[in-house]
Amino acid sequence: MGVAEMLRRVPVNQRPVLLLHDVLDLPIEQVAEQLGLPVSTVRGRLDRARANLARHLAADPEGALSRHGRP
């Protein structure tokens, strides 16, 4: 499973938070402002998004990252 496929498995309301914070490296406060959400909501969605990704990575031990030359 590729990275894009794993991201598609993260619920739609969690994806923007994950991408803005973990990929684009925006601070949580800025993510909240960009999305018009409370900081607490952004933190909750980020935690859930990371947990979802971790479950998908655990289910796919030969997963997306290893196929792209990353540990």
PDB file of N, CA and C in Angstrom:
ATOM      1  N   MET A   1       0.851  -1.174   0.000  1.00  0.00           N
ATOM      2  CA  MET A   1       0.000   0.000   0.000  1.00  0.00           C
ATOM      3  C   MET A   1       0.896   1.236   0.000  1.00  0.00           C
ATOM      4  N   GLY A   2       0.586   2.199  -0.860  1.00  0.00           N
ATOM      5  CA  GLY A   2       1.372   3.410  -0.958  1.00  0.00           C
ATOM      6  C   GLY A   2       0.960   4.454   0.067  1.00  0.00           C
ATOM      7  N   VAL A   3       1.776   5.479   0.176  1.00  0.00           N
ATOM      8  CA  VAL A   3       1.515   6.558   1.126  1.00  0.00           C
ATOM      9  C   VAL A   3       0.182   7.234   0.830  1.00  0.00           C
ATOM     10  N   ALA A   4      -0.085   7.508  -0.437  1.00  0.00           N
ATOM     11  CA  ALA A   4      -1.349   8.160  -0.805  1.00  0.00           C
ATOM     12  C   ALA A   4      -2.537   7.299  -0.403  1.00  0.00           C
ATOM     13  N   GLU A   5      -2.427   5.995  -0.582  1.00  0.00           N
ATOM     14  CA  GLU A   5      -3.517   5.088  -0.195  1.00  0.00           C
ATOM     15  C   GLU A   5      -3.715   5.098   1.318  1.00  0.00           C
ATOM     16  N   MET A   6      -2.641   5.122   2.062  1.00  0.00           N
ATOM     17  CA  MET A   6      -2.761   5.182   3.522  1.00  0.00           C
ATOM     18  C   MET A   6      -3.429   6.481   3.952  1.00  0.00           C
ATOM     19  N   LEU A   7      -3.075   7.580   3.309  1.00  0.00           N
ATOM     20  CA  LEU A   7      -3.711   8.854   3.651  1.00  0.00           C
ATOM     21  C   LEU A   7      -5.196   8.834   3.322  1.00  0.00           C
ATOM     22  N   ARG A   8      -5.571   8.148   2.260  1.00  0.00           N
ATOM     23  CA  ARG A   8      -6.991   8.040   1.914  1.00  0.00           C
ATOM     24  C   ARG A   8      -7.765   7.255   2.966  1.00  0.00           C
ATOM     25  N   ARG A   9      -7.103   6.420   3.711  1.00  0.00           N
ATOM     26  CA  ARG A   9      -7.766   5.634   4.757  1.00  0.00           C
ATOM     27  C   ARG A   9      -7.946   6.423   6.052  1.00  0.00           C
ATOM     28  N   VAL A  10      -7.267   7.561   6.165  1.00  0.00           N
ATOM     29  CA  VAL A  10      -7.470   8.438   7.318  1.00  0.00           C
ATOM     30  C   VAL A  10      -8.777   9.188   7.074  1.00  0.00           C
ATOM     31  N   PRO A  11      -9.659   9.252   8.072  1.00  0.00           N
ATOM     32  CA  PRO A  11     -10.929   9.949   7.873  1.00  0.00           C
ATOM     33  C   PRO A  11     -10.757  11.372   7.326  1.00  0.00           C
ATOM     34  N   VAL A  12     -11.696  11.765   6.502  1.00  0.00           N
ATOM     35  CA  VAL A  12     -11.628  13.048   5.788  1.00  0.00           C
ATOM     36  C   VAL A  12     -11.429  14.233   6.734  1.00  0.00           C
ATOM     37  N   ASN A  13     -12.065  14.221   7.890  1.00  0.00           N
ATOM     38  CA  ASN A  13     -11.926  15.362   8.792  1.00  0.00           C
ATOM     39  C   ASN A  13     -10.572  15.397   9.498  1.00  0.00           C
ATOM     40  N   GLN A  14      -9.807  14.302   9.447  1.00  0.00           N
ATOM     41  CA  GLN A  14      -8.490  14.249  10.081  1.00  0.00           C
ATOM     42  C   GLN A  14      -7.348  14.550   9.105  1.00  0.00           C
ATOM     43  N   ARG A  15      -7.568  14.317   7.833  1.00  0.00           N
ATOM     44  CA  ARG A  15      -6.504  14.499   6.830  1.00  0.00           C
ATOM     45  C   ARG A  15      -5.908  15.896   6.791  1.00  0.00           C
ATOM     46  N   PRO A  16      -6.737  16.951   6.709  1.00  0.00           N
ATOM     47  CA  PRO A  16      -6.137  18.291   6.610  1.00  0.00           C
ATOM     48  C   PRO A  16      -5.264  18.635   7.810  1.00  0.00           C
ATOM     49  N   VAL A  17      -5.688  18.217   8.996  1.00  0.00           N
ATOM     50  CA  VAL A  17      -4.906  18.488  10.202  1.00  0.00           C
ATOM     51  C   VAL A  17      -3.555  17.787  10.114  1.00  0.00           C
ATOM     52  N   LEU A  18      -3.573  16.534   9.729  1.00  0.00           N
ATOM     53  CA  LEU A  18      -2.346  15.749   9.607  1.00  0.00           C
ATOM     54  C   LEU A  18      -1.402  16.352   8.570  1.00  0.00           C
ATOM     55  N   LEU A  19      -1.938  16.687   7.423  1.00  0.00           N
ATOM     56  CA  LEU A  19      -1.099  17.235   6.356  1.00  0.00           C
ATOM     57  C   LEU A  19      -0.540  18.609   6.713  1.00  0.00           C
ATOM     58  N   LEU A  20      -1.386  19.485   7.235  1.00  0.00           N
ATOM     59  CA  LEU A  20      -0.913  20.831   7.568  1.00  0.00           C
ATOM     60  C   LEU A  20       0.129  20.816   8.683  1.00  0.00           C
ATOM     61  N   HIS A  21      -0.085  19.972   9.677  1.00  0.00           N
ATOM     62  CA  HIS A  21       0.839  19.971  10.809  1.00  0.00           C
ATOM     63  C   HIS A  21       2.068  19.085  10.567  1.00  0.00           C
ATOM     64  N   ASP A  22       1.855  17.839  10.200  1.00  0.00           N
ATOM     65  CA  ASP A  22       2.967  16.895  10.094  1.00  0.00           C
ATOM     66  C   ASP A  22       3.720  16.980   8.774  1.00  0.00           C
ATOM     67  N   VAL A  23       3.056  17.362   7.711  1.00  0.00           N
ATOM     68  CA  VAL A  23       3.734  17.429   6.412  1.00  0.00           C
ATOM     69  C   VAL A  23       4.240  18.850   6.143  1.00  0.00           C
ATOM     70  N   LEU A  24       3.366  19.836   6.324  1.00  0.00           N
ATOM     71  CA  LEU A  24       3.773  21.225   6.056  1.00  0.00           C
ATOM     72  C   LEU A  24       4.393  21.903   7.269  1.00  0.00           C
ATOM     73  N   ASP A  25       4.387  21.225   8.412  1.00  0.00           N
ATOM     74  CA  ASP A  25       5.059  21.690   9.626  1.00  0.00           C
ATOM     75  C   ASP A  25       4.495  23.000  10.182  1.00  0.00           C
ATOM     76  N   LEU A  26       3.186  23.202  10.009  1.00  0.00           N
ATOM     77  CA  LEU A  26       2.555  24.383  10.588  1.00  0.00           C
ATOM     78  C   LEU A  26       2.283  24.126  12.066  1.00  0.00           C
ATOM     79  N   PRO A  27       2.426  25.142  12.906  1.00  0.00           N
ATOM     80  CA  PRO A  27       2.087  24.969  14.318  1.00  0.00           C
ATOM     81  C   PRO A  27       0.591  24.698  14.490  1.00  0.00           C
ATOM     82  N   ILE A  28       0.256  24.015  15.542  1.00  0.00           N
ATOM     83  CA  ILE A  28      -1.142  23.641  15.791  1.00  0.00           C
ATOM     84  C   ILE A  28      -2.046  24.871  15.788  1.00  0.00           C
ATOM     85  N   GLU A  29      -1.586  25.956  16.369  1.00  0.00           N
ATOM     86  CA  GLU A  29      -2.399  27.172  16.416  1.00  0.00           C
ATOM     87  C   GLU A  29      -2.709  27.695  15.018  1.00  0.00           C
ATOM     88  N   GLN A  30      -1.738  27.607  14.127  1.00  0.00           N
ATOM     89  CA  GLN A  30      -1.956  28.071  12.756  1.00  0.00           C
ATOM     90  C   GLN A  30      -2.886  27.122  12.003  1.00  0.00           C
ATOM     91  N   VAL A  31      -2.750  25.831  12.245  1.00  0.00           N
ATOM     92  CA  VAL A  31      -3.654  24.864  11.629  1.00  0.00           C
ATOM     93  C   VAL A  31      -5.083  25.164  12.069  1.00  0.00           C
ATOM     94  N   ALA A  32      -5.260  25.415  13.358  1.00  0.00           N
ATOM     95  CA  ALA A  32      -6.589  25.732  13.883  1.00  0.00           C
ATOM     96  C   ALA A  32      -7.146  26.978  13.205  1.00  0.00           C
ATOM     97  N   GLU A  33      -6.316  27.982  13.058  1.00  0.00           N
ATOM     98  CA  GLU A  33      -6.761  29.223  12.408  1.00  0.00           C
ATOM     99  C   GLU A  33      -7.126  28.971  10.945  1.00  0.00           C
ATOM    100  N   GLN A  34      -6.288  28.246  10.239  1.00  0.00           N
ATOM    101  CA  GLN A  34      -6.528  27.955   8.818  1.00  0.00           C
ATOM    102  C   GLN A  34      -7.846  27.197   8.612  1.00  0.00           C
ATOM    103  N   LEU A  35      -8.131  26.284   9.511  1.00  0.00           N
ATOM    104  CA  LEU A  35      -9.311  25.429   9.360  1.00  0.00           C
ATOM    105  C   LEU A  35     -10.534  25.958  10.102  1.00  0.00           C
ATOM    106  N   GLY A  36     -10.345  27.036  10.859  1.00  0.00           N
ATOM    107  CA  GLY A  36     -11.467  27.594  11.609  1.00  0.00           C
ATOM    108  C   GLY A  36     -11.953  26.678  12.717  1.00  0.00           C
ATOM    109  N   LEU A  37     -11.007  26.009  13.373  1.00  0.00           N
ATOM    110  CA  LEU A  37     -11.329  25.055  14.430  1.00  0.00           C
ATOM    111  C   LEU A  37     -10.664  25.463  15.736  1.00  0.00           C
ATOM    112  N   PRO A  38     -11.209  25.044  16.859  1.00  0.00           N
ATOM    113  CA  PRO A  38     -10.520  25.261  18.134  1.00  0.00           C
ATOM    114  C   PRO A  38      -9.227  24.433  18.182  1.00  0.00           C
ATOM    115  N   VAL A  39      -8.248  24.938  18.897  1.00  0.00           N
ATOM    116  CA  VAL A  39      -6.967  24.229  19.032  1.00  0.00           C
ATOM    117  C   VAL A  39      -7.197  22.826  19.605  1.00  0.00           C
ATOM    118  N   SER A  40      -8.098  22.701  20.558  1.00  0.00           N
ATOM    119  CA  SER A  40      -8.349  21.385  21.164  1.00  0.00           C
ATOM    120  C   SER A  40      -8.880  20.386  20.136  1.00  0.00           C
ATOM    121  N   THR A  41      -9.680  20.849  19.203  1.00  0.00           N
ATOM    122  CA  THR A  41     -10.201  19.977  18.140  1.00  0.00           C
ATOM    123  C   THR A  41      -9.073  19.534  17.220  1.00  0.00           C
ATOM    124  N   VAL A  42      -8.204  20.455  16.885  1.00  0.00           N
ATOM    125  CA  VAL A  42      -7.061  20.124  16.025  1.00  0.00           C
ATOM    126  C   VAL A  42      -6.189  19.085  16.711  1.00  0.00           C
ATOM    127  N   ARG A  43      -5.912  19.255  17.991  1.00  0.00           N
ATOM    128  CA  ARG A  43      -5.078  18.279  18.720  1.00  0.00           C
ATOM    129  C   ARG A  43      -5.728  16.903  18.742  1.00  0.00           C
ATOM    130  N   GLY A  44      -7.018  16.868  18.986  1.00  0.00           N
ATOM    131  CA  GLY A  44      -7.735  15.589  19.003  1.00  0.00           C
ATOM    132  C   GLY A  44      -7.711  14.904  17.657  1.00  0.00           C
ATOM    133  N   ARG A  45      -7.978  15.670  16.605  1.00  0.00           N
ATOM    134  CA  ARG A  45      -7.969  15.086  15.257  1.00  0.00           C
ATOM    135  C   ARG A  45      -6.568  14.616  14.871  1.00  0.00           C
ATOM    136  N   LEU A  46      -5.559  15.373  15.265  1.00  0.00           N
ATOM    137  CA  LEU A  46      -4.185  14.985  14.963  1.00  0.00           C
ATOM    138  C   LEU A  46      -3.828  13.679  15.675  1.00  0.00           C
ATOM    139  N   ASP A  47      -4.197  13.569  16.933  1.00  0.00           N
ATOM    140  CA  ASP A  47      -3.943  12.325  17.670  1.00  0.00           C
ATOM    141  C   ASP A  47      -4.634  11.139  17.005  1.00  0.00           C
ATOM    142  N   ARG A  48      -5.897  11.327  16.634  1.00  0.00           N
ATOM    143  CA  ARG A  48      -6.644  10.234  15.999  1.00  0.00           C
ATOM    144  C   ARG A  48      -6.072   9.899  14.617  1.00  0.00           C
ATOM    145  N   ALA A  49      -5.666  10.911  13.856  1.00  0.00           N
ATOM    146  CA  ALA A  49      -5.082  10.670  12.526  1.00  0.00           C
ATOM    147  C   ALA A  49      -3.787   9.875  12.643  1.00  0.00           C
ATOM    148  N   ARG A  50      -2.941  10.253  13.599  1.00  0.00           N
ATOM    149  CA  ARG A  50      -1.686   9.519  13.794  1.00  0.00           C
ATOM    150  C   ARG A  50      -1.954   8.081  14.228  1.00  0.00           C
ATOM    151  N   ALA A  51      -2.943   7.887  15.086  1.00  0.00           N
ATOM    152  CA  ALA A  51      -3.290   6.530  15.521  1.00  0.00           C
ATOM    153  C   ALA A  51      -3.805   5.703  14.344  1.00  0.00           C
ATOM    154  N   ASN A  52      -4.616   6.318  13.487  1.00  0.00           N
ATOM    155  CA  ASN A  52      -5.104   5.620  12.288  1.00  0.00           C
ATOM    156  C   ASN A  52      -3.945   5.214  11.389  1.00  0.00           C
ATOM    157  N   LEU A  53      -3.019   6.132  11.147  1.00  0.00           N
ATOM    158  CA  LEU A  53      -1.862   5.800  10.309  1.00  0.00           C
ATOM    159  C   LEU A  53      -1.030   4.693  10.933  1.00  0.00           C
ATOM    160  N   ALA A  54      -0.826   4.750  12.229  1.00  0.00           N
ATOM    161  CA  ALA A  54      -0.041   3.724  12.914  1.00  0.00           C
ATOM    162  C   ALA A  54      -0.686   2.347  12.748  1.00  0.00           C
ATOM    163  N   ARG A  55      -2.014   2.290  12.864  1.00  0.00           N
ATOM    164  CA  ARG A  55      -2.713   1.009  12.670  1.00  0.00           C
ATOM    165  C   ARG A  55      -2.517   0.483  11.249  1.00  0.00           C
ATOM    166  N   HIS A  56      -2.606   1.370  10.270  1.00  0.00           N
ATOM    167  CA  HIS A  56      -2.440   0.940   8.875  1.00  0.00           C
ATOM    168  C   HIS A  56      -1.004   0.510   8.604  1.00  0.00           C
ATOM    169  N   LEU A  57      -0.044   1.216   9.181  1.00  0.00           N
ATOM    170  CA  LEU A  57       1.354   0.820   9.002  1.00  0.00           C
ATOM    171  C   LEU A  57       1.624  -0.521   9.668  1.00  0.00           C
ATOM    172  N   ALA A  58       1.057  -0.748  10.833  1.00  0.00           N
ATOM    173  CA  ALA A  58       1.247  -2.023  11.535  1.00  0.00           C
ATOM    174  C   ALA A  58       0.618  -3.171  10.757  1.00  0.00           C
ATOM    175  N   ALA A  59      -0.484  -2.890  10.073  1.00  0.00           N
ATOM    176  CA  ALA A  59      -1.175  -3.921   9.296  1.00  0.00           C
ATOM    177  C   ALA A  59      -0.459  -4.215   7.985  1.00  0.00           C
ATOM    178  N   ASP A  60       0.463  -3.355   7.605  1.00  0.00           N
ATOM    179  CA  ASP A  60       1.180  -3.484   6.331  1.00  0.00           C
ATOM    180  C   ASP A  60       2.684  -3.379   6.602  1.00  0.00           C
ATOM    181  N   PRO A  61       3.293  -4.407   7.259  1.00  0.00           N
ATOM    182  CA  PRO A  61       4.689  -4.315   7.671  1.00  0.00           C
ATOM    183  C   PRO A  61       5.670  -4.103   6.521  1.00  0.00           C
ATOM    184  N   GLU A  62       5.323  -4.504   5.346  1.00  0.00           N
ATOM    185  CA  GLU A  62       6.169  -4.243   4.169  1.00  0.00           C
ATOM    186  C   GLU A  62       5.643  -3.017   3.453  1.00  0.00           C
ATOM    187  N   GLY A  63       5.125  -2.084   4.214  1.00  0.00           N
ATOM    188  CA  GLY A  63       4.350  -0.953   3.734  1.00  0.00           C
ATOM    189  C   GLY A  63       5.032   0.059   2.869  1.00  0.00           C
ATOM    190  N   ALA A  64       4.315   1.149   2.710  1.00  0.00           N
ATOM    191  CA  ALA A  64       4.649   2.217   1.787  1.00  0.00           C
ATOM    192  C   ALA A  64       6.025   2.778   2.008  1.00  0.00           C
ATOM    193  N   LEU A  65       6.399   3.017   3.260  1.00  0.00           N
ATOM    194  CA  LEU A  65       7.680   3.674   3.498  1.00  0.00           C
ATOM    195  C   LEU A  65       8.852   2.762   3.141  1.00  0.00           C
ATOM    196  N   SER A  66       8.754   1.474   3.458  1.00  0.00           N
ATOM    197  CA  SER A  66       9.852   0.576   3.150  1.00  0.00           C
ATOM    198  C   SER A  66      10.012   0.397   1.640  1.00  0.00           C
ATOM    199  N   ARG A  67       8.923   0.487   0.889  1.00  0.00           N
ATOM    200  CA  ARG A  67       9.018   0.343  -0.564  1.00  0.00           C
ATOM    201  C   ARG A  67       9.653   1.559  -1.223  1.00  0.00           C
ATOM    202  N   HIS A  68       9.736   2.657  -0.488  1.00  0.00           N
ATOM    203  CA  HIS A  68      10.324   3.871  -1.039  1.00  0.00           C
ATOM    204  C   HIS A  68      11.714   4.125  -0.468  1.00  0.00           C
ATOM    205  N   GLY A  69      12.338   3.093   0.044  1.00  0.00           N
ATOM    206  CA  GLY A  69      13.713   3.198   0.501  1.00  0.00           C
ATOM    207  C   GLY A  69      13.886   3.860   1.853  1.00  0.00           C
ATOM    208  N   ARG A  70      12.829   3.939   2.633  1.00  0.00           N
ATOM    209  CA  ARG A  70      12.948   4.506   3.979  1.00  0.00           C
ATOM    210  C   ARG A  70      12.834   3.398   4.992  1.00  0.00           C
ATOM    211  N   PRO A  71      13.477   3.594   6.139  1.00  0.00           N
ATOM    212  CA  PRO A  71      13.401   2.569   7.183  1.00  0.00           C
ATOM    213  C   PRO A  71      12.019   2.429   7.748  1.00  0.00           C
TER     214      PRO A  71
END
